[in-house]
PDB file of all heavy atoms in Angstrom:
ATOM      1  N   GLN A   1      11.999   6.555   7.755  1.00  0.00           N
ATOM      2  CA  GLN A   1      10.597   6.586   8.196  1.00  0.00           C
ATOM      3  C   GLN A   1      10.335   5.275   8.951  1.00  0.00           C
ATOM      4  O   GLN A   1      10.015   4.243   8.351  1.00  0.00           O
ATOM      5  CB  GLN A   1       9.652   6.745   7.015  1.00  0.00           C
ATOM      6  CG  GLN A   1       9.816   8.064   6.282  1.00  0.00           C
ATOM      7  CD  GLN A   1       9.001   8.118   4.995  1.00  0.00           C
ATOM      8  OE1 GLN A   1       8.642   7.072   4.411  1.00  0.00           O
ATOM      9  NE2 GLN A   1       8.729   9.329   4.516  1.00  0.00           N
ATOM     10  N   SER A   2      10.469   5.323  10.240  1.00  0.00           N
ATOM     11  CA  SER A   2      10.287   4.122  11.055  1.00  0.00           C
ATOM     12  C   SER A   2       8.873   4.018  11.633  1.00  0.00           C
ATOM     13  O   SER A   2       8.475   2.940  12.107  1.00  0.00           O
ATOM     14  CB  SER A   2      11.313   4.098  12.183  1.00  0.00           C
ATOM     15  OG  SER A   2      11.157   5.245  13.016  1.00  0.00           O
ATOM     16  N   ARG A   3       8.141   5.094  11.596  1.00  0.00           N
ATOM     17  CA  ARG A   3       6.783   5.081  12.134  1.00  0.00           C
ATOM     18  C   ARG A   3       5.801   4.892  10.958  1.00  0.00           C
ATOM     19  O   ARG A   3       5.422   5.844  10.262  1.00  0.00           O
ATOM     20  CB  ARG A   3       6.469   6.374  12.907  1.00  0.00           C
ATOM     21  CG  ARG A   3       7.389   6.592  14.094  1.00  0.00           C
ATOM     22  CD  ARG A   3       6.904   7.729  14.994  1.00  0.00           C
ATOM     23  NE  ARG A   3       6.745   8.976  14.283  1.00  0.00           N
ATOM     24  CZ  ARG A   3       7.734   9.816  14.035  1.00  0.00           C
ATOM     25  NH1 ARG A   3       8.966   9.546  14.440  1.00  0.00           N
ATOM     26  NH2 ARG A   3       7.512  10.966  13.388  1.00  0.00           N
ATOM     27  N   ILE A   4       5.425   3.639  10.755  1.00  0.00           N
ATOM     28  CA  ILE A   4       4.608   3.259   9.615  1.00  0.00           C
ATOM     29  C   ILE A   4       3.251   2.766  10.101  1.00  0.00           C
ATOM     30  O   ILE A   4       3.154   2.067  11.098  1.00  0.00           O
ATOM     31  CB  ILE A   4       5.299   2.150   8.789  1.00  0.00           C
ATOM     32  CG1 ILE A   4       6.665   2.635   8.291  1.00  0.00           C
ATOM     33  CG2 ILE A   4       4.431   1.714   7.621  1.00  0.00           C
ATOM     34  CD1 ILE A   4       7.514   1.532   7.658  1.00  0.00           C
ATOM     35  N   ALA A   5       2.204   3.159   9.398  1.00  0.00           N
ATOM     36  CA  ALA A   5       0.848   2.700   9.701  1.00  0.00           C
ATOM     37  C   ALA A   5       0.250   2.062   8.440  1.00  0.00           C
ATOM     38  O   ALA A   5       0.757   2.258   7.322  1.00  0.00           O
ATOM     39  CB  ALA A   5      -0.027   3.856  10.155  1.00  0.00           C
ATOM     40  N   VAL A   6      -0.821   1.305   8.617  1.00  0.00           N
ATOM     41  CA  VAL A   6      -1.509   0.678   7.494  1.00  0.00           C
ATOM     42  C   VAL A   6      -2.984   1.030   7.525  1.00  0.00           C
ATOM     43  O   VAL A   6      -3.652   0.950   8.569  1.00  0.00           O
ATOM     44  CB  VAL A   6      -1.349  -0.857   7.518  1.00  0.00           C
ATOM     45  CG1 VAL A   6      -2.341  -1.517   6.547  1.00  0.00           C
ATOM     46  CG2 VAL A   6       0.074  -1.263   7.130  1.00  0.00           C
ATOM     47  N   PHE A   7      -3.485   1.445   6.370  1.00  0.00           N
ATOM     48  CA  PHE A   7      -4.923   1.673   6.148  1.00  0.00           C
ATOM     49  C   PHE A   7      -5.364   0.613   5.157  1.00  0.00           C
ATOM     50  O   PHE A   7      -4.804   0.488   4.058  1.00  0.00           O
ATOM     51  CB  PHE A   7      -5.174   3.073   5.587  1.00  0.00           C
ATOM     52  CG  PHE A   7      -6.565   3.274   5.062  1.00  0.00           C
ATOM     53  CD1 PHE A   7      -7.604   3.599   5.922  1.00  0.00           C
ATOM     54  CD2 PHE A   7      -6.851   3.119   3.705  1.00  0.00           C
ATOM     55  CE1 PHE A   7      -8.902   3.794   5.446  1.00  0.00           C
ATOM     56  CE2 PHE A   7      -8.149   3.298   3.207  1.00  0.00           C
ATOM     57  CZ  PHE A   7      -9.158   3.642   4.086  1.00  0.00           C
ATOM     58  N   ALA A   8      -6.363  -0.194   5.524  1.00  0.00           N
ATOM     59  CA  ALA A   8      -6.764  -1.292   4.647  1.00  0.00           C
ATOM     60  C   ALA A   8      -8.284  -1.420   4.577  1.00  0.00           C
ATOM     61  O   ALA A   8      -8.999  -1.103   5.544  1.00  0.00           O
ATOM     62  CB  ALA A   8      -6.173  -2.607   5.147  1.00  0.00           C
ATOM     63  N   GLU A   9      -8.754  -1.868   3.435  1.00  0.00           N
ATOM     64  CA  GLU A   9     -10.172  -2.192   3.321  1.00  0.00           C
ATOM     65  C   GLU A   9     -10.457  -3.479   4.089  1.00  0.00           C
ATOM     66  O   GLU A   9      -9.595  -4.375   4.152  1.00  0.00           O
ATOM     67  CB  GLU A   9     -10.573  -2.338   1.850  1.00  0.00           C
ATOM     68  CG  GLU A   9     -10.637  -0.992   1.141  1.00  0.00           C
ATOM     69  CD  GLU A   9     -11.133  -1.104  -0.285  1.00  0.00           C
ATOM     70  OE1 GLU A   9     -10.655  -1.978  -1.041  1.00  0.00           O
ATOM     71  OE2 GLU A   9     -11.992  -0.289  -0.666  1.00  0.00           O
ATOM     72  N   ASP A  10     -11.626  -3.571   4.636  1.00  0.00           N
ATOM     73  CA  ASP A  10     -11.984  -4.716   5.478  1.00  0.00           C
ATOM     74  C   ASP A  10     -12.459  -5.887   4.624  1.00  0.00           C
ATOM     75  O   ASP A  10     -13.628  -6.222   4.576  1.00  0.00           O
ATOM     76  CB  ASP A  10     -13.071  -4.292   6.485  1.00  0.00           C
ATOM     77  CG  ASP A  10     -13.299  -5.343   7.552  1.00  0.00           C
ATOM     78  OD1 ASP A  10     -12.506  -6.299   7.618  1.00  0.00           O
ATOM     79  OD2 ASP A  10     -14.258  -5.194   8.334  1.00  0.00           O
ATOM     80  N   ASP A  11     -11.489  -6.484   3.944  1.00  0.00           N
ATOM     81  CA  ASP A  11     -11.786  -7.655   3.118  1.00  0.00           C
ATOM     82  C   ASP A  11     -10.521  -8.510   3.061  1.00  0.00           C
ATOM     83  O   ASP A  11      -9.526  -8.243   3.712  1.00  0.00           O
ATOM     84  CB  ASP A  11     -12.257  -7.243   1.725  1.00  0.00           C
ATOM     85  CG  ASP A  11     -11.230  -6.438   0.936  1.00  0.00           C
ATOM     86  OD1 ASP A  11     -10.096  -6.232   1.429  1.00  0.00           O
ATOM     87  OD2 ASP A  11     -11.556  -6.001  -0.190  1.00  0.00           O
ATOM     88  N   ALA A  12     -10.594  -9.578   2.258  1.00  0.00           N
ATOM     89  CA  ALA A  12      -9.461 -10.502   2.170  1.00  0.00           C
ATOM     90  C   ALA A  12      -8.202  -9.812   1.671  1.00  0.00           C
ATOM     91  O   ALA A  12      -7.094 -10.100   2.157  1.00  0.00           O
ATOM     92  CB  ALA A  12      -9.824 -11.661   1.261  1.00  0.00           C
ATOM     93  N   MET A  13      -8.344  -8.908   0.714  1.00  0.00           N
ATOM     94  CA  MET A  13      -7.187  -8.185   0.213  1.00  0.00           C
ATOM     95  C   MET A  13      -6.552  -7.332   1.302  1.00  0.00           C
ATOM     96  O   MET A  13      -5.344  -7.337   1.475  1.00  0.00           O
ATOM     97  CB  MET A  13      -7.578  -7.299  -0.975  1.00  0.00           C
ATOM     98  CG  MET A  13      -6.429  -6.506  -1.574  1.00  0.00           C
ATOM     99  SD  MET A  13      -6.976  -5.413  -2.907  1.00  0.00           S
ATOM    100  CE  MET A  13      -7.800  -4.107  -1.980  1.00  0.00           C
ATOM    101  N   GLY A  14      -7.372  -6.602   2.049  1.00  0.00           N
ATOM    102  CA  GLY A  14      -6.860  -5.755   3.091  1.00  0.00           C
ATOM    103  C   GLY A  14      -6.135  -6.549   4.161  1.00  0.00           C
ATOM    104  O   GLY A  14      -5.045  -6.165   4.627  1.00  0.00           O
ATOM    105  N   ARG A  15      -6.713  -7.669   4.561  1.00  0.00           N
ATOM    106  CA  ARG A  15      -6.092  -8.491   5.587  1.00  0.00           C
ATOM    107  C   ARG A  15      -4.785  -9.109   5.084  1.00  0.00           C
ATOM    108  O   ARG A  15      -3.794  -9.183   5.824  1.00  0.00           O
ATOM    109  CB  ARG A  15      -7.054  -9.560   6.062  1.00  0.00           C
ATOM    110  CG  ARG A  15      -8.229  -8.998   6.884  1.00  0.00           C
ATOM    111  CD  ARG A  15      -9.105 -10.099   7.442  1.00  0.00           C
ATOM    112  NE  ARG A  15      -9.925 -10.733   6.422  1.00  0.00           N
ATOM    113  CZ  ARG A  15     -11.093 -10.267   6.019  1.00  0.00           C
ATOM    114  NH1 ARG A  15     -11.582  -9.143   6.517  1.00  0.00           N
ATOM    115  NH2 ARG A  15     -11.788 -10.913   5.086  1.00  0.00           N
ATOM    116  N   ALA A  16      -4.778  -9.535   3.827  1.00  0.00           N
ATOM    117  CA  ALA A  16      -3.567 -10.120   3.263  1.00  0.00           C
ATOM    118  C   ALA A  16      -2.458  -9.080   3.143  1.00  0.00           C
ATOM    119  O   ALA A  16      -1.289  -9.375   3.425  1.00  0.00           O
ATOM    120  CB  ALA A  16      -3.871 -10.729   1.893  1.00  0.00           C
ATOM    121  N   GLY A  17      -2.829  -7.873   2.742  1.00  0.00           N
ATOM    122  CA  GLY A  17      -1.822  -6.810   2.625  1.00  0.00           C
ATOM    123  C   GLY A  17      -1.247  -6.421   3.964  1.00  0.00           C
ATOM    124  O   GLY A  17      -0.037  -6.206   4.096  1.00  0.00           O
ATOM    125  N   LEU A  18      -2.102  -6.319   4.974  1.00  0.00           N
ATOM    126  CA  LEU A  18      -1.644  -5.990   6.328  1.00  0.00           C
ATOM    127  C   LEU A  18      -0.686  -7.045   6.828  1.00  0.00           C
ATOM    128  O   LEU A  18       0.374  -6.740   7.398  1.00  0.00           O
ATOM    129  CB  LEU A  18      -2.821  -5.857   7.274  1.00  0.00           C
ATOM    130  CG  LEU A  18      -2.500  -5.673   8.777  1.00  0.00           C
ATOM    131  CD1 LEU A  18      -1.672  -4.415   8.982  1.00  0.00           C
ATOM    132  CD2 LEU A  18      -3.794  -5.635   9.590  1.00  0.00           C
ATOM    133  N   ALA A  19      -1.021  -8.307   6.618  1.00  0.00           N
ATOM    134  CA  ALA A  19      -0.136  -9.396   7.039  1.00  0.00           C
ATOM    135  C   ALA A  19       1.201  -9.319   6.327  1.00  0.00           C
ATOM    136  O   ALA A  19       2.264  -9.556   6.933  1.00  0.00           O
ATOM    137  CB  ALA A  19      -0.800 -10.748   6.764  1.00  0.00           C
ATOM    138  N   ALA A  20       1.180  -8.958   5.041  1.00  0.00           N
ATOM    139  CA  ALA A  20       2.433  -8.857   4.267  1.00  0.00           C
ATOM    140  C   ALA A  20       3.305  -7.722   4.792  1.00  0.00           C
ATOM    141  O   ALA A  20       4.541  -7.863   4.882  1.00  0.00           O
ATOM    142  CB  ALA A  20       2.104  -8.635   2.788  1.00  0.00           C
ATOM    143  N   VAL A  21       2.698  -6.596   5.158  1.00  0.00           N
ATOM    144  CA  VAL A  21       3.476  -5.487   5.712  1.00  0.00           C
ATOM    145  C   VAL A  21       4.067  -5.863   7.057  1.00  0.00           C
ATOM    146  O   VAL A  21       5.269  -5.599   7.332  1.00  0.00           O
ATOM    147  CB  VAL A  21       2.604  -4.223   5.862  1.00  0.00           C
ATOM    148  CG1 VAL A  21       3.366  -3.125   6.585  1.00  0.00           C
ATOM    149  CG2 VAL A  21       2.159  -3.719   4.483  1.00  0.00           C
ATOM    150  N   ASN A  22       3.294  -6.484   7.913  1.00  0.00           N
ATOM    151  CA  ASN A  22       3.806  -6.921   9.221  1.00  0.00           C
ATOM    152  C   ASN A  22       4.973  -7.887   9.061  1.00  0.00           C
ATOM    153  O   ASN A  22       5.972  -7.817   9.789  1.00  0.00           O
ATOM    154  CB  ASN A  22       2.698  -7.574  10.039  1.00  0.00           C
ATOM    155  CG  ASN A  22       1.811  -6.555  10.747  1.00  0.00           C
ATOM    156  OD1 ASN A  22       2.278  -5.520  11.202  1.00  0.00           O
ATOM    157  ND2 ASN A  22       0.527  -6.844  10.820  1.00  0.00           N
ATOM    158  N   GLN A  23       4.866  -8.797   8.104  1.00  0.00           N
ATOM    159  CA  GLN A  23       5.944  -9.757   7.875  1.00  0.00           C
ATOM    160  C   GLN A  23       7.196  -9.057   7.359  1.00  0.00           C
ATOM    161  O   GLN A  23       8.321  -9.396   7.756  1.00  0.00           O
ATOM    162  CB  GLN A  23       5.500 -10.834   6.888  1.00  0.00           C
ATOM    163  CG  GLN A  23       6.503 -11.970   6.720  1.00  0.00           C
ATOM    164  CD  GLN A  23       6.732 -12.729   8.002  1.00  0.00           C
ATOM    165  OE1 GLN A  23       5.795 -13.210   8.632  1.00  0.00           O
ATOM    166  NE2 GLN A  23       7.996 -12.842   8.424  1.00  0.00           N
ATOM    167  N   ALA A  24       7.010  -8.082   6.462  1.00  0.00           N
ATOM    168  CA  ALA A  24       8.144  -7.348   5.936  1.00  0.00           C
ATOM    169  C   ALA A  24       8.882  -6.591   7.034  1.00  0.00           C
ATOM    170  O   ALA A  24      10.114  -6.533   7.052  1.00  0.00           O
ATOM    171  CB  ALA A  24       7.686  -6.382   4.846  1.00  0.00           C
ATOM    172  N   LEU A  25       8.126  -6.004   7.948  1.00  0.00           N
ATOM    173  CA  LEU A  25       8.753  -5.280   9.066  1.00  0.00           C
ATOM    174  C   LEU A  25       9.588  -6.238   9.912  1.00  0.00           C
ATOM    175  O   LEU A  25      10.707  -5.900  10.338  1.00  0.00           O
ATOM    176  CB  LEU A  25       7.668  -4.624   9.928  1.00  0.00           C
ATOM    177  CG  LEU A  25       6.952  -3.419   9.300  1.00  0.00           C
ATOM    178  CD1 LEU A  25       5.722  -3.060  10.123  1.00  0.00           C
ATOM    179  CD2 LEU A  25       7.901  -2.221   9.234  1.00  0.00           C
ATOM    180  N   MET A  26       9.074  -7.424  10.140  1.00  0.00           N
ATOM    181  CA  MET A  26       9.815  -8.411  10.914  1.00  0.00           C
ATOM    182  C   MET A  26      11.073  -8.858  10.173  1.00  0.00           C
ATOM    183  O   MET A  26      12.158  -8.930  10.755  1.00  0.00           O
ATOM    184  CB  MET A  26       8.913  -9.620  11.218  1.00  0.00           C
ATOM    185  CG  MET A  26       7.764  -9.337  12.165  1.00  0.00           C
ATOM    186  SD  MET A  26       6.668 -10.773  12.364  1.00  0.00           S
ATOM    187  CE  MET A  26       7.823 -11.994  13.015  1.00  0.00           C
ATOM    188  N   ASP A  27      10.939  -9.151   8.885  1.00  0.00           N
ATOM    189  CA  ASP A  27      12.070  -9.642   8.093  1.00  0.00           C
ATOM    190  C   ASP A  27      13.170  -8.575   7.957  1.00  0.00           C
ATOM    191  O   ASP A  27      14.360  -8.917   7.881  1.00  0.00           O
ATOM    192  CB  ASP A  27      11.600 -10.083   6.714  1.00  0.00           C
ATOM    193  CG  ASP A  27      10.718 -11.326   6.778  1.00  0.00           C
ATOM    194  OD1 ASP A  27      10.702 -11.979   7.831  1.00  0.00           O
ATOM    195  OD2 ASP A  27      10.059 -11.634   5.759  1.00  0.00           O
ATOM    196  N   LEU A  28      12.781  -7.315   7.924  1.00  0.00           N
ATOM    197  CA  LEU A  28      13.739  -6.224   7.829  1.00  0.00           C
ATOM    198  C   LEU A  28      14.203  -5.725   9.186  1.00  0.00           C
ATOM    199  O   LEU A  28      14.976  -4.779   9.269  1.00  0.00           O
ATOM    200  CB  LEU A  28      13.150  -5.078   7.010  1.00  0.00           C
ATOM    201  CG  LEU A  28      12.992  -5.344   5.510  1.00  0.00           C
ATOM    202  CD1 LEU A  28      12.048  -4.322   4.864  1.00  0.00           C
ATOM    203  CD2 LEU A  28      14.340  -5.341   4.822  1.00  0.00           C
ATOM    204  N   LYS A  29      13.680  -6.371  10.242  1.00  0.00           N
ATOM    205  CA  LYS A  29      14.045  -6.022  11.629  1.00  0.00           C
ATOM    206  C   LYS A  29      13.793  -4.537  11.926  1.00  0.00           C
ATOM    207  O   LYS A  29      14.617  -3.833  12.497  1.00  0.00           O
ATOM    208  CB  LYS A  29      15.498  -6.376  11.897  1.00  0.00           C
ATOM    209  CG  LYS A  29      15.790  -7.879  11.804  1.00  0.00           C
ATOM    210  CD  LYS A  29      17.256  -8.197  12.055  1.00  0.00           C
ATOM    211  CE  LYS A  29      17.491  -9.690  12.170  1.00  0.00           C
ATOM    212  NZ  LYS A  29      17.011 -10.472  11.005  1.00  0.00           N
ATOM    213  N   LEU A  30      12.580  -4.112  11.544  1.00  0.00           N
ATOM    214  CA  LEU A  30      12.148  -2.736  11.778  1.00  0.00           C
ATOM    215  C   LEU A  30      11.075  -2.703  12.857  1.00  0.00           C
ATOM    216  O   LEU A  30      10.458  -3.730  13.164  1.00  0.00           O
ATOM    217  CB  LEU A  30      11.624  -2.146  10.464  1.00  0.00           C
ATOM    218  CG  LEU A  30      12.648  -1.980   9.340  1.00  0.00           C
ATOM    219  CD1 LEU A  30      11.974  -1.580   8.046  1.00  0.00           C
ATOM    220  CD2 LEU A  30      13.729  -0.980   9.739  1.00  0.00           C
ATOM    221  N   PRO A  31      10.833  -1.543  13.446  1.00  0.00           N
ATOM    222  CA  PRO A  31       9.806  -1.435  14.492  1.00  0.00           C
ATOM    223  C   PRO A  31       8.425  -1.849  13.958  1.00  0.00           C
ATOM    224  O   PRO A  31       8.157  -1.723  12.758  1.00  0.00           O
ATOM    225  CB  PRO A  31       9.834   0.056  14.866  1.00  0.00           C
ATOM    226  CG  PRO A  31      11.184   0.514  14.457  1.00  0.00           C
ATOM    227  CD  PRO A  31      11.528  -0.251  13.233  1.00  0.00           C
ATOM    228  N   PRO A  32       7.561  -2.345  14.824  1.00  0.00           N
ATOM    229  CA  PRO A  32       6.215  -2.723  14.397  1.00  0.00           C
ATOM    230  C   PRO A  32       5.403  -1.503  13.988  1.00  0.00           C
ATOM    231  O   PRO A  32       5.798  -0.353  14.227  1.00  0.00           O
ATOM    232  CB  PRO A  32       5.621  -3.392  15.642  1.00  0.00           C
ATOM    233  CG  PRO A  32       6.384  -2.788  16.783  1.00  0.00           C
ATOM    234  CD  PRO A  32       7.782  -2.565  16.266  1.00  0.00           C
ATOM    235  N   LEU A  33       4.270  -1.725  13.379  1.00  0.00           N
ATOM    236  CA  LEU A  33       3.397  -0.654  12.959  1.00  0.00           C
ATOM    237  C   LEU A  33       2.976   0.185  14.158  1.00  0.00           C
ATOM    238  O   LEU A  33       2.732  -0.315  15.243  1.00  0.00           O
ATOM    239  CB  LEU A  33       2.131  -1.213  12.304  1.00  0.00           C
ATOM    240  CG  LEU A  33       2.303  -1.945  10.961  1.00  0.00           C
ATOM    241  CD1 LEU A  33       0.988  -2.610  10.563  1.00  0.00           C
ATOM    242  CD2 LEU A  33       2.757  -0.973   9.864  1.00  0.00           C
ATOM    243  N   VAL A  34       2.875   1.511  13.921  1.00  0.00           N
ATOM    244  CA  VAL A  34       2.380   2.377  14.990  1.00  0.00           C
ATOM    245  C   VAL A  34       0.858   2.300  15.073  1.00  0.00           C
ATOM    246  O   VAL A  34       0.268   2.614  16.113  1.00  0.00           O
ATOM    247  CB  VAL A  34       2.828   3.839  14.767  1.00  0.00           C
ATOM    248  CG1 VAL A  34       4.344   3.946  14.852  1.00  0.00           C
ATOM    249  CG2 VAL A  34       2.332   4.383  13.446  1.00  0.00           C
ATOM    250  N   ALA A  35       0.231   1.860  13.970  1.00  0.00           N
ATOM    251  CA  ALA A  35      -1.233   1.722  13.959  1.00  0.00           C
ATOM    252  C   ALA A  35      -1.646   1.003  12.689  1.00  0.00           C
ATOM    253  O   ALA A  35      -0.949   1.027  11.675  1.00  0.00           O
ATOM    254  CB  ALA A  35      -1.911   3.083  14.035  1.00  0.00           C
ATOM    255  N   SER A  36      -2.807   0.364  12.759  1.00  0.00           N
ATOM    256  CA  SER A  36      -3.431  -0.218  11.562  1.00  0.00           C
ATOM    257  C   SER A  36      -4.923  -0.140  11.753  1.00  0.00           C
ATOM    258  O   SER A  36      -5.428  -0.240  12.874  1.00  0.00           O
ATOM    259  CB  SER A  36      -2.993  -1.670  11.337  1.00  0.00           C
ATOM    260  OG  SER A  36      -3.412  -2.499  12.413  1.00  0.00           O
ATOM    261  N   VAL A  37      -5.646   0.033  10.663  1.00  0.00           N
ATOM    262  CA  VAL A  37      -7.098   0.193  10.766  1.00  0.00           C
ATOM    263  C   VAL A  37      -7.761  -0.317   9.490  1.00  0.00           C
ATOM    264  O   VAL A  37      -7.222  -0.166   8.383  1.00  0.00           O
ATOM    265  CB  VAL A  37      -7.475   1.675  11.001  1.00  0.00           C
ATOM    266  CG1 VAL A  37      -7.030   2.550   9.832  1.00  0.00           C
ATOM    267  CG2 VAL A  37      -8.963   1.834  11.267  1.00  0.00           C
ATOM    268  N   PHE A  38      -8.922  -0.944   9.671  1.00  0.00           N
ATOM    269  CA  PHE A  38      -9.718  -1.404   8.532  1.00  0.00           C
ATOM    270  C   PHE A  38     -10.861  -0.424   8.293  1.00  0.00           C
ATOM    271  O   PHE A  38     -11.385   0.171   9.246  1.00  0.00           O
ATOM    272  CB  PHE A  38     -10.287  -2.801   8.788  1.00  0.00           C
ATOM    273  CG  PHE A  38      -9.252  -3.884   8.763  1.00  0.00           C
ATOM    274  CD1 PHE A  38      -8.843  -4.502   9.922  1.00  0.00           C
ATOM    275  CD2 PHE A  38      -8.676  -4.286   7.549  1.00  0.00           C
ATOM    276  CE1 PHE A  38      -7.898  -5.513   9.909  1.00  0.00           C
ATOM    277  CE2 PHE A  38      -7.725  -5.284   7.515  1.00  0.00           C
ATOM    278  CZ  PHE A  38      -7.325  -5.909   8.710  1.00  0.00           C
ATOM    279  N   SER A  39     -11.247  -0.290   7.023  1.00  0.00           N
ATOM    280  CA  SER A  39     -12.311   0.624   6.646  1.00  0.00           C
ATOM    281  C   SER A  39     -13.243  -0.092   5.680  1.00  0.00           C
ATOM    282  O   SER A  39     -12.828  -1.055   5.008  1.00  0.00           O
ATOM    283  CB  SER A  39     -11.712   1.874   5.987  1.00  0.00           C
ATOM    284  OG  SER A  39     -12.633   2.913   5.879  1.00  0.00           O
TER     285      SER A  39
END
């Protein structure tokens, strides 16, 4: 599953989680997120 998206609440937790996912994708040398959105 290389096409990954993130759904996050628009708060500190959501932003921190999104940053952690983006970093994991980079560290694992995987494609970037296809989309991310705050709610």
